[in-house]
Amino acid sequence: MTERRTISSGGHWEPIYGYSRAVVVGDACYVAGTSDAGPDGKACHPGDPAGQARGILEVIERALSSAGFSLRDVVRTRMYITDAAHADAVGTVHGEFFRDVRPASAMIVMVGLVDPSLLVEIEVDAVRS
């Protein structure tokens, strides 16, 4: 049986909603949808989609590292944005982190996230190479 390990980042909603920042199964790591929310559940970079994306990807990078993975192991990203006008700002930051990795990716425009101050949420899947 393959071992299953969970990683927590201490995020605001993890214990309330019953999920983990990341789950490792075998050589794969699945990082949950990650926002820029601080301890109060509000955005750390309100009104700044690029700042939120950068903060999110830093949290994701720490979660991957805690699980024994790196950004180079990422094979898929999903970016959720609340306004199509944020696509270039978020995509550009994504490119800063993944320019050489080039994972399969999607960017989806949504009506909104759990708190109106949150403009971006990103999730990733990684496979140890």
Protein backbone atom coordinates (compact mmCIF):
# COMPACT_ATOMS: atom_id res chain seq x y z
CA MET A 1 0.00 0.00 0.00
CA THR A 2 1.30 3.46 -0.92
CA GLU A 3 1.94 5.79 2.01
CA ARG A 4 -0.19 8.95 2.24
CA ARG A 5 1.28 11.98 4.02
CA THR A 6 -0.33 15.37 4.66
CA ILE A 7 1.40 18.76 4.89
CA SER A 8 -0.16 21.72 6.72
CA SER A 9 0.79 25.35 6.27
CA GLY A 10 -1.29 26.50 9.23
CA GLY A 11 -3.67 28.24 6.82
CA HIS A 12 -6.84 29.87 8.12
CA TRP A 13 -9.29 27.46 6.49
CA GLU A 14 -7.37 24.17 6.76
CA PRO A 15 -8.78 23.04 10.13
CA ILE A 16 -12.20 24.62 9.55
CA TYR A 17 -12.81 23.06 6.14
CA GLY A 18 -10.88 19.84 6.82
CA TYR A 19 -8.16 19.84 4.18
CA SER A 20 -4.37 19.86 3.93
CA ARG A 21 -2.13 22.31 2.10
CA ALA A 22 -0.57 19.34 0.33
CA VAL A 23 -0.97 15.58 0.16
CA VAL A 24 1.87 13.27 -0.86
CA VAL A 25 1.10 9.84 -2.28
CA GLY A 26 4.10 7.92 -3.57
CA ASP A 27 6.07 10.13 -5.95
CA ALA A 28 3.25 12.65 -6.39
CA CYS A 29 2.37 15.78 -4.43
CA TYR A 30 -0.96 17.56 -4.76
CA VAL A 31 -1.07 21.13 -3.44
CA ALA A 32 -4.52 22.46 -2.58
CA GLY A 33 -5.93 25.65 -3.98
CA THR A 34 -3.79 28.30 -2.29
CA SER A 35 -4.74 31.93 -1.76
CA ASP A 36 -2.96 34.97 -0.41
CA ALA A 37 -5.06 34.93 2.77
CA GLY A 38 -3.45 35.95 6.04
CA PRO A 39 -4.46 34.73 9.50
CA ASP A 40 -7.67 36.78 9.34
CA GLY A 41 -8.72 35.17 6.04
CA LYS A 42 -8.22 38.43 4.10
CA ALA A 43 -5.74 39.04 1.28
CA CYS A 44 -2.22 40.06 2.29
CA HIS A 45 -2.00 42.02 -0.99
CA PRO A 46 -5.50 43.48 -1.40
CA GLY A 47 -6.23 44.76 -4.89
CA ASP A 48 -2.91 43.43 -6.26
CA PRO A 49 -3.34 40.26 -8.36
CA ALA A 50 0.41 40.03 -9.13
CA GLY A 51 1.30 40.43 -5.44
CA GLN A 52 -1.26 37.78 -4.53
CA ALA A 53 0.08 35.38 -7.19
CA ARG A 54 3.66 35.89 -5.99
CA GLY A 55 2.68 35.31 -2.35
CA ILE A 56 0.68 32.23 -3.32
CA LEU A 57 3.54 30.69 -5.30
CA GLU A 58 5.91 31.31 -2.37
CA VAL A 59 3.50 29.42 -0.07
CA ILE A 60 3.26 26.63 -2.66
CA GLU A 61 7.04 26.48 -2.96
CA ARG A 62 7.35 26.10 0.84
CA ALA A 63 4.67 23.37 0.88
CA LEU A 64 6.44 21.48 -1.89
CA SER A 65 9.76 21.79 -0.08
CA SER A 66 8.21 20.50 3.16
CA ALA A 67 6.97 17.51 1.19
CA GLY A 68 10.38 16.84 -0.40
CA PHE A 69 9.55 18.35 -3.81
CA SER A 70 10.52 21.51 -5.68
CA LEU A 71 8.99 23.79 -8.29
CA ARG A 72 10.93 21.79 -10.90
CA ASP A 73 8.73 18.78 -10.06
CA VAL A 74 5.49 20.63 -10.91
CA VAL A 75 3.67 19.08 -13.87
CA ARG A 76 0.34 20.96 -13.72
CA THR A 77 -0.90 24.30 -12.42
CA ARG A 78 -4.40 25.70 -12.21
CA MET A 79 -4.85 29.42 -11.72
CA TYR A 80 -8.25 30.76 -10.68
CA ILE A 81 -8.82 34.49 -11.08
CA THR A 82 -11.86 36.63 -10.28
CA ASP A 83 -11.47 38.99 -13.26
CA ALA A 84 -10.12 38.33 -16.76
CA ALA A 85 -8.32 41.69 -16.49
CA HIS A 86 -5.96 40.01 -13.97
CA ALA A 87 -4.81 37.35 -16.45
CA ASP A 88 -1.67 39.12 -17.66
CA ALA A 89 -0.48 40.09 -14.16
CA VAL A 90 -1.03 36.58 -12.78
CA GLY A 91 0.32 34.85 -15.90
CA THR A 92 3.48 36.97 -15.82
CA VAL A 93 4.19 36.02 -12.20
CA HIS A 94 3.49 32.37 -13.05
CA GLY A 95 6.09 32.73 -15.80
CA GLU A 96 8.66 34.08 -13.32
CA PHE A 97 8.32 30.90 -11.26
CA PHE A 98 7.82 28.36 -14.07
CA ARG A 99 9.53 29.79 -17.17
CA ASP A 100 11.98 26.87 -17.35
CA VAL A 101 9.62 24.20 -15.96
CA ARG A 102 6.66 24.92 -18.25
CA PRO A 103 4.01 22.72 -16.60
CA ALA A 104 0.67 22.00 -18.20
CA SER A 105 -1.53 24.84 -17.04
CA ALA A 106 -4.98 26.38 -17.03
CA MET A 107 -6.29 29.81 -16.03
CA ILE A 108 -9.96 29.95 -15.12
CA VAL A 109 -12.05 33.06 -14.51
CA MET A 110 -14.42 32.57 -11.58
CA VAL A 111 -17.24 34.60 -10.09
CA GLY A 112 -15.35 34.92 -6.81
CA LEU A 113 -13.38 33.24 -4.07
CA VAL A 114 -14.25 32.61 -0.42
CA ASP A 115 -13.40 36.20 0.59
CA PRO A 116 -13.94 39.18 -1.75
CA SER A 117 -10.40 40.49 -1.09
CA LEU A 118 -8.94 37.33 -2.67
CA LEU A 119 -8.42 37.75 -6.41
CA VAL A 120 -6.30 34.67 -7.19
CA GLU A 121 -6.06 31.04 -6.13
CA ILE A 122 -3.53 28.55 -7.50
CA GLU A 123 -3.14 24.79 -7.13
CA VAL A 124 -0.37 22.53 -8.40
CA ASP A 125 0.40 18.87 -8.96
CA ALA A 126 3.99 17.67 -8.78
CA VAL A 127 5.70 14.39 -9.59
CA ARG A 128 9.16 13.57 -8.30
CA SER A 129 11.45 13.14 -11.30
